[in-house]
Amino acid sequence: MRSSFPTIFARKAELADRFYSHLFVHLPEVESLFGDDFSKQKEMFAAMLTYCLKGVANSQSLPQARAGLVKVHARFNLGPREMELAGKAVMAALEDVLGNDLSTKQREIWEQAISGVMQLLLAETDTKLAPQC
């Protein structure tokens, strides 16, 4: 997984473009949430991706990254379907950008990591949306 980090860092803008292309194929109804020009959103995606990758590398910034993602996305009331499809969009973007440099083993590791992040986000979102007693 870490061996793909340099390519991802170098091509993070392309990865963001590919992510949103795939996201809108899987979830066309969310495209309207971004308006006509979502270049800032792409920049935020690339920045968060970089932050998450650094968190994987040093295992310290992931909790903050997750908290930031939850805070930003909680207002959208995303459910399991949306999280799964967003995860698939991330994976498809990685496959587009890394191409043949993404080995079968790396693909499996990325799929597990993405799935784990989506599950954590979903669990955290559910907790924040649950009624407080």
Foldseek 3Di string as FASTA:
>chain_A
DLVCVVLCLVCLLQLLVQLVVQLCVLPVVCPVVCPDDNSVVSVVSSVLVNQVSVCVVVVPRVVVSLVVVLVVCLVVVDAPSSLVSSLVSSLVSCCVRCPPVQDPVNSVVSSVVSVVSSVSSNVVSCVVPDDDD
